[in-house]
Amino acid sequence: MNLNDLIEIDELCIRYKVEHTFIRSLSESGLIEVISLEQKEYVHCDKITEFEKMHRLYHDLNINMEGLEAIQHLLNKLKELQKTNLKLQNRLNIYE
């Protein structure tokens, strides 16, 4: 894993004006993945959009952690259903 692709949690806290406990709660809920290296914690840069989405929902819309977990579960389910729908449409197109 390249250290250049990781963003330190302290930097996220400063940039987004959030507490460490918020990021820790997201990690414990499985909403983002926190990587520990050399006594420091990081988030992969590919996961920043997920973090930003959860941050907006939590702070702007006042949705609690349980609500964030439910929203994430529903969004994942929606993605799965969209993939299944696309596969079925492709199979149907073969017979048309």
N, C-alpha and C. Protein backbone atom coordinates (compact mmCIF):
# COMPACT_ATOMS: atom_id res chain seq x y z
N MET A 1 0.84 -1.17 0.00
CA MET A 1 0.00 0.00 0.00
C MET A 1 0.90 1.24 0.00
N ASN A 2 0.60 2.14 -0.89
CA ASN A 2 1.39 3.36 -1.05
C ASN A 2 0.92 4.41 -0.03
N LEU A 3 1.86 4.94 0.72
CA LEU A 3 1.54 5.95 1.74
C LEU A 3 1.00 7.23 1.13
N ASN A 4 1.33 7.48 -0.14
CA ASN A 4 0.84 8.68 -0.82
C ASN A 4 -0.65 8.63 -1.09
N ASP A 5 -1.22 7.40 -1.10
CA ASP A 5 -2.65 7.23 -1.35
C ASP A 5 -3.48 7.33 -0.07
N LEU A 6 -2.81 7.53 1.06
CA LEU A 6 -3.51 7.58 2.34
C LEU A 6 -3.55 9.00 2.88
N ILE A 7 -4.64 9.31 3.56
CA ILE A 7 -4.80 10.62 4.18
C ILE A 7 -4.92 10.39 5.68
N GLU A 8 -4.09 11.08 6.42
CA GLU A 8 -4.07 10.91 7.86
C GLU A 8 -5.36 11.45 8.48
N ILE A 9 -5.83 10.77 9.48
CA ILE A 9 -7.08 11.15 10.13
C ILE A 9 -6.98 12.54 10.76
N ASP A 10 -5.83 12.87 11.30
CA ASP A 10 -5.67 14.22 11.87
C ASP A 10 -5.92 15.29 10.82
N GLU A 11 -5.46 15.05 9.60
CA GLU A 11 -5.67 16.01 8.51
C GLU A 11 -7.15 16.11 8.14
N LEU A 12 -7.84 14.95 8.13
CA LEU A 12 -9.28 14.96 7.86
C LEU A 12 -10.04 15.75 8.92
N CYS A 13 -9.65 15.56 10.16
CA CYS A 13 -10.32 16.27 11.26
C CYS A 13 -10.16 17.77 11.11
N ILE A 14 -8.98 18.20 10.72
CA ILE A 14 -8.73 19.63 10.56
C ILE A 14 -9.47 20.17 9.33
N ARG A 15 -9.37 19.45 8.23
CA ARG A 15 -9.96 19.92 6.97
C ARG A 15 -11.48 19.98 7.04
N TYR A 16 -12.10 18.95 7.65
CA TYR A 16 -13.56 18.88 7.68
C TYR A 16 -14.16 19.34 9.02
N LYS A 17 -13.28 19.74 9.94
CA LYS A 17 -13.72 20.23 11.25
C LYS A 17 -14.60 19.21 11.96
N VAL A 18 -14.08 17.98 12.07
CA VAL A 18 -14.78 16.91 12.77
C VAL A 18 -13.90 16.38 13.90
N GLU A 19 -14.52 15.71 14.82
CA GLU A 19 -13.81 15.09 15.94
C GLU A 19 -13.28 13.72 15.52
N HIS A 20 -12.24 13.28 16.22
CA HIS A 20 -11.72 11.94 15.99
C HIS A 20 -12.78 10.89 16.28
N THR A 21 -13.64 11.20 17.26
CA THR A 21 -14.67 10.23 17.63
C THR A 21 -15.65 9.98 16.49
N PHE A 22 -15.91 11.00 15.66
CA PHE A 22 -16.80 10.82 14.52
C PHE A 22 -16.21 9.81 13.54
N ILE A 23 -14.95 9.98 13.22
CA ILE A 23 -14.29 9.07 12.28
C ILE A 23 -14.19 7.67 12.89
N ARG A 24 -13.89 7.60 14.17
CA ARG A 24 -13.82 6.31 14.85
C ARG A 24 -15.18 5.62 14.83
N SER A 25 -16.25 6.39 15.03
CA SER A 25 -17.61 5.82 14.99
C SER A 25 -17.95 5.30 13.60
N LEU A 26 -17.55 6.04 12.57
CA LEU A 26 -17.76 5.58 11.20
C LEU A 26 -17.02 4.28 10.96
N SER A 27 -15.81 4.20 11.46
CA SER A 27 -15.00 2.99 11.30
C SER A 27 -15.61 1.81 12.04
N GLU A 28 -16.04 2.02 13.27
CA GLU A 28 -16.64 0.96 14.06
C GLU A 28 -17.95 0.46 13.45
N SER A 29 -18.66 1.35 12.78
CA SER A 29 -19.91 0.97 12.12
C SER A 29 -19.67 0.31 10.77
N GLY A 30 -18.43 0.33 10.30
CA GLY A 30 -18.12 -0.26 9.01
C GLY A 30 -18.45 0.63 7.84
N LEU A 31 -18.66 1.91 8.09
CA LEU A 31 -19.02 2.83 7.01
C LEU A 31 -17.80 3.32 6.24
N ILE A 32 -16.65 3.41 6.90
CA ILE A 32 -15.39 3.69 6.22
C ILE A 32 -14.32 2.78 6.81
N GLU A 33 -13.27 2.58 6.05
CA GLU A 33 -12.17 1.74 6.52
C GLU A 33 -11.02 2.62 6.97
N VAL A 34 -10.58 2.40 8.19
CA VAL A 34 -9.44 3.13 8.75
C VAL A 34 -8.25 2.17 8.76
N ILE A 35 -7.12 2.64 8.23
CA ILE A 35 -5.91 1.83 8.13
C ILE A 35 -4.91 2.34 9.14
N SER A 36 -4.37 1.43 9.95
CA SER A 36 -3.37 1.81 10.95
C SER A 36 -1.99 1.41 10.46
N LEU A 37 -1.10 2.40 10.39
CA LEU A 37 0.29 2.17 9.99
C LEU A 37 1.18 3.04 10.87
N GLU A 38 2.21 2.43 11.41
CA GLU A 38 3.22 3.18 12.16
C GLU A 38 2.61 4.09 13.22
N GLN A 39 1.72 3.55 14.03
CA GLN A 39 1.10 4.29 15.12
C GLN A 39 0.19 5.44 14.67
N LYS A 40 -0.14 5.51 13.40
CA LYS A 40 -1.04 6.55 12.88
C LYS A 40 -2.18 5.88 12.15
N GLU A 41 -3.30 6.60 12.04
CA GLU A 41 -4.47 6.08 11.35
C GLU A 41 -4.72 6.89 10.09
N TYR A 42 -5.12 6.17 9.04
CA TYR A 42 -5.31 6.78 7.73
C TYR A 42 -6.61 6.30 7.10
N VAL A 43 -7.07 7.08 6.13
CA VAL A 43 -8.17 6.69 5.27
C VAL A 43 -7.63 6.73 3.85
N HIS A 44 -7.95 5.71 3.05
CA HIS A 44 -7.50 5.68 1.66
C HIS A 44 -8.20 6.79 0.87
N CYS A 45 -7.47 7.40 -0.04
CA CYS A 45 -8.02 8.54 -0.79
C CYS A 45 -9.23 8.15 -1.63
N ASP A 46 -9.35 6.86 -2.01
CA ASP A 46 -10.52 6.41 -2.76
C ASP A 46 -11.79 6.41 -1.92
N LYS A 47 -11.64 6.42 -0.62
CA LYS A 47 -12.80 6.37 0.28
C LYS A 47 -13.22 7.74 0.79
N ILE A 48 -12.57 8.78 0.33
CA ILE A 48 -12.89 10.13 0.80
C ILE A 48 -14.31 10.54 0.38
N THR A 49 -14.74 10.14 -0.79
CA THR A 49 -16.11 10.50 -1.21
C THR A 49 -17.14 9.88 -0.28
N GLU A 50 -16.89 8.64 0.16
CA GLU A 50 -17.79 8.00 1.13
C GLU A 50 -17.78 8.77 2.45
N PHE A 51 -16.57 9.15 2.88
CA PHE A 51 -16.46 9.93 4.11
C PHE A 51 -17.22 11.25 3.99
N GLU A 52 -17.05 11.95 2.86
CA GLU A 52 -17.73 13.23 2.66
C GLU A 52 -19.24 13.06 2.66
N LYS A 53 -19.72 11.98 2.05
CA LYS A 53 -21.16 11.72 2.02
C LYS A 53 -21.69 11.50 3.44
N MET A 54 -20.99 10.68 4.21
CA MET A 54 -21.41 10.42 5.58
C MET A 54 -21.32 11.70 6.44
N HIS A 55 -20.30 12.49 6.20
CA HIS A 55 -20.12 13.75 6.93
C HIS A 55 -21.29 14.69 6.66
N ARG A 56 -21.67 14.82 5.39
CA ARG A 56 -22.80 15.70 5.04
C ARG A 56 -24.10 15.21 5.66
N LEU A 57 -24.35 13.91 5.57
CA LEU A 57 -25.58 13.37 6.13
C LEU A 57 -25.63 13.57 7.64
N TYR A 58 -24.51 13.36 8.30
CA TYR A 58 -24.45 13.45 9.75
C TYR A 58 -24.57 14.90 10.23
N HIS A 59 -23.78 15.78 9.64
CA HIS A 59 -23.74 17.16 10.12
C HIS A 59 -24.82 18.06 9.51
N ASP A 60 -25.05 17.95 8.23
CA ASP A 60 -26.01 18.85 7.59
C ASP A 60 -27.45 18.42 7.81
N LEU A 61 -27.70 17.11 7.80
CA LEU A 61 -29.07 16.62 7.95
C LEU A 61 -29.35 16.04 9.34
N ASN A 62 -28.35 16.07 10.22
CA ASN A 62 -28.49 15.57 11.59
C ASN A 62 -28.97 14.12 11.67
N ILE A 63 -28.42 13.28 10.81
CA ILE A 63 -28.75 11.85 10.83
C ILE A 63 -27.75 11.16 11.76
N ASN A 64 -28.25 10.34 12.68
CA ASN A 64 -27.37 9.68 13.64
C ASN A 64 -26.65 8.48 13.00
N MET A 65 -25.75 7.85 13.76
CA MET A 65 -24.95 6.74 13.24
C MET A 65 -25.81 5.58 12.76
N GLU A 66 -26.85 5.26 13.52
CA GLU A 66 -27.74 4.17 13.12
C GLU A 66 -28.43 4.49 11.80
N GLY A 67 -28.81 5.74 11.64
CA GLY A 67 -29.41 6.16 10.38
C GLY A 67 -28.43 6.08 9.23
N LEU A 68 -27.17 6.45 9.48
CA LEU A 68 -26.14 6.34 8.44
C LEU A 68 -25.93 4.90 8.03
N GLU A 69 -25.93 4.00 9.01
CA GLU A 69 -25.78 2.57 8.71
C GLU A 69 -26.94 2.09 7.85
N ALA A 70 -28.16 2.50 8.19
CA ALA A 70 -29.34 2.09 7.42
C ALA A 70 -29.28 2.64 6.00
N ILE A 71 -28.90 3.90 5.87
CA ILE A 71 -28.79 4.51 4.54
C ILE A 71 -27.75 3.78 3.71
N GLN A 72 -26.59 3.50 4.30
CA GLN A 72 -25.53 2.80 3.57
C GLN A 72 -25.99 1.41 3.14
N HIS A 73 -26.70 0.72 4.03
CA HIS A 73 -27.22 -0.62 3.70
C HIS A 73 -28.19 -0.54 2.51
N LEU A 74 -29.08 0.43 2.55
CA LEU A 74 -30.04 0.59 1.46
C LEU A 74 -29.36 0.97 0.14
N LEU A 75 -28.35 1.83 0.20
CA LEU A 75 -27.62 2.21 -1.01
C LEU A 75 -26.88 1.01 -1.60
N ASN A 76 -26.29 0.18 -0.73
CA ASN A 76 -25.61 -1.03 -1.22
C ASN A 76 -26.61 -1.99 -1.85
N LYS A 77 -27.78 -2.14 -1.23
CA LYS A 77 -28.82 -3.00 -1.78
C LYS A 77 -29.29 -2.48 -3.14
N LEU A 78 -29.42 -1.16 -3.25
CA LEU A 78 -29.84 -0.55 -4.51
C LEU A 78 -28.82 -0.83 -5.61
N LYS A 79 -27.53 -0.74 -5.30
CA LYS A 79 -26.49 -1.03 -6.29
C LYS A 79 -26.56 -2.48 -6.74
N GLU A 80 -26.78 -3.38 -5.78
CA GLU A 80 -26.91 -4.80 -6.14
C GLU A 80 -28.10 -5.03 -7.06
N LEU A 81 -29.23 -4.42 -6.75
CA LEU A 81 -30.42 -4.57 -7.58
C LEU A 81 -30.22 -3.98 -8.97
N GLN A 82 -29.51 -2.86 -9.05
CA GLN A 82 -29.23 -2.26 -10.35
C GLN A 82 -28.34 -3.18 -11.19
N LYS A 83 -27.36 -3.81 -10.57
CA LYS A 83 -26.49 -4.75 -11.29
C LYS A 83 -27.29 -5.95 -11.78
N THR A 84 -28.15 -6.47 -10.92
CA THR A 84 -28.99 -7.61 -11.30
C THR A 84 -29.92 -7.23 -12.43
N ASN A 85 -30.50 -6.05 -12.35
CA ASN A 85 -31.40 -5.57 -13.40
C ASN A 85 -30.66 -5.46 -14.74
N LEU A 86 -29.45 -4.94 -14.71
CA LEU A 86 -28.67 -4.80 -15.93
C LEU A 86 -28.34 -6.16 -16.53
N LYS A 87 -27.98 -7.13 -15.69
CA LYS A 87 -27.70 -8.49 -16.18
C LYS A 87 -28.93 -9.09 -16.83
N LEU A 88 -30.09 -8.92 -16.19
CA LEU A 88 -31.33 -9.47 -16.74
C LEU A 88 -31.70 -8.79 -18.05
N GLN A 89 -31.50 -7.49 -18.14
CA GLN A 89 -31.77 -6.78 -19.39
C GLN A 89 -30.86 -7.27 -20.50
N ASN A 90 -29.60 -7.50 -20.18
CA ASN A 90 -28.67 -7.99 -21.18
C ASN A 90 -29.06 -9.39 -21.65
N ARG A 91 -29.48 -10.23 -20.73
CA ARG A 91 -29.93 -11.57 -21.12
C ARG A 91 -31.17 -11.50 -21.99
N LEU A 92 -32.08 -10.61 -21.65
CA LEU A 92 -33.31 -10.45 -22.42
C LEU A 92 -33.01 -9.95 -23.83
N ASN A 93 -32.04 -9.07 -23.96
CA ASN A 93 -31.67 -8.53 -25.27
C ASN A 93 -31.15 -9.61 -26.20
N ILE A 94 -30.60 -10.67 -25.67
CA ILE A 94 -30.11 -11.79 -26.49
C ILE A 94 -31.28 -12.45 -27.24
N TYR A 95 -32.43 -12.52 -26.61
CA TYR A 95 -33.59 -13.20 -27.20
C TYR A 95 -34.45 -12.30 -28.06
N GLU A 96 -34.14 -11.03 -28.09
CA GLU A 96 -34.95 -10.12 -28.91
C GLU A 96 -34.41 -10.02 -30.30
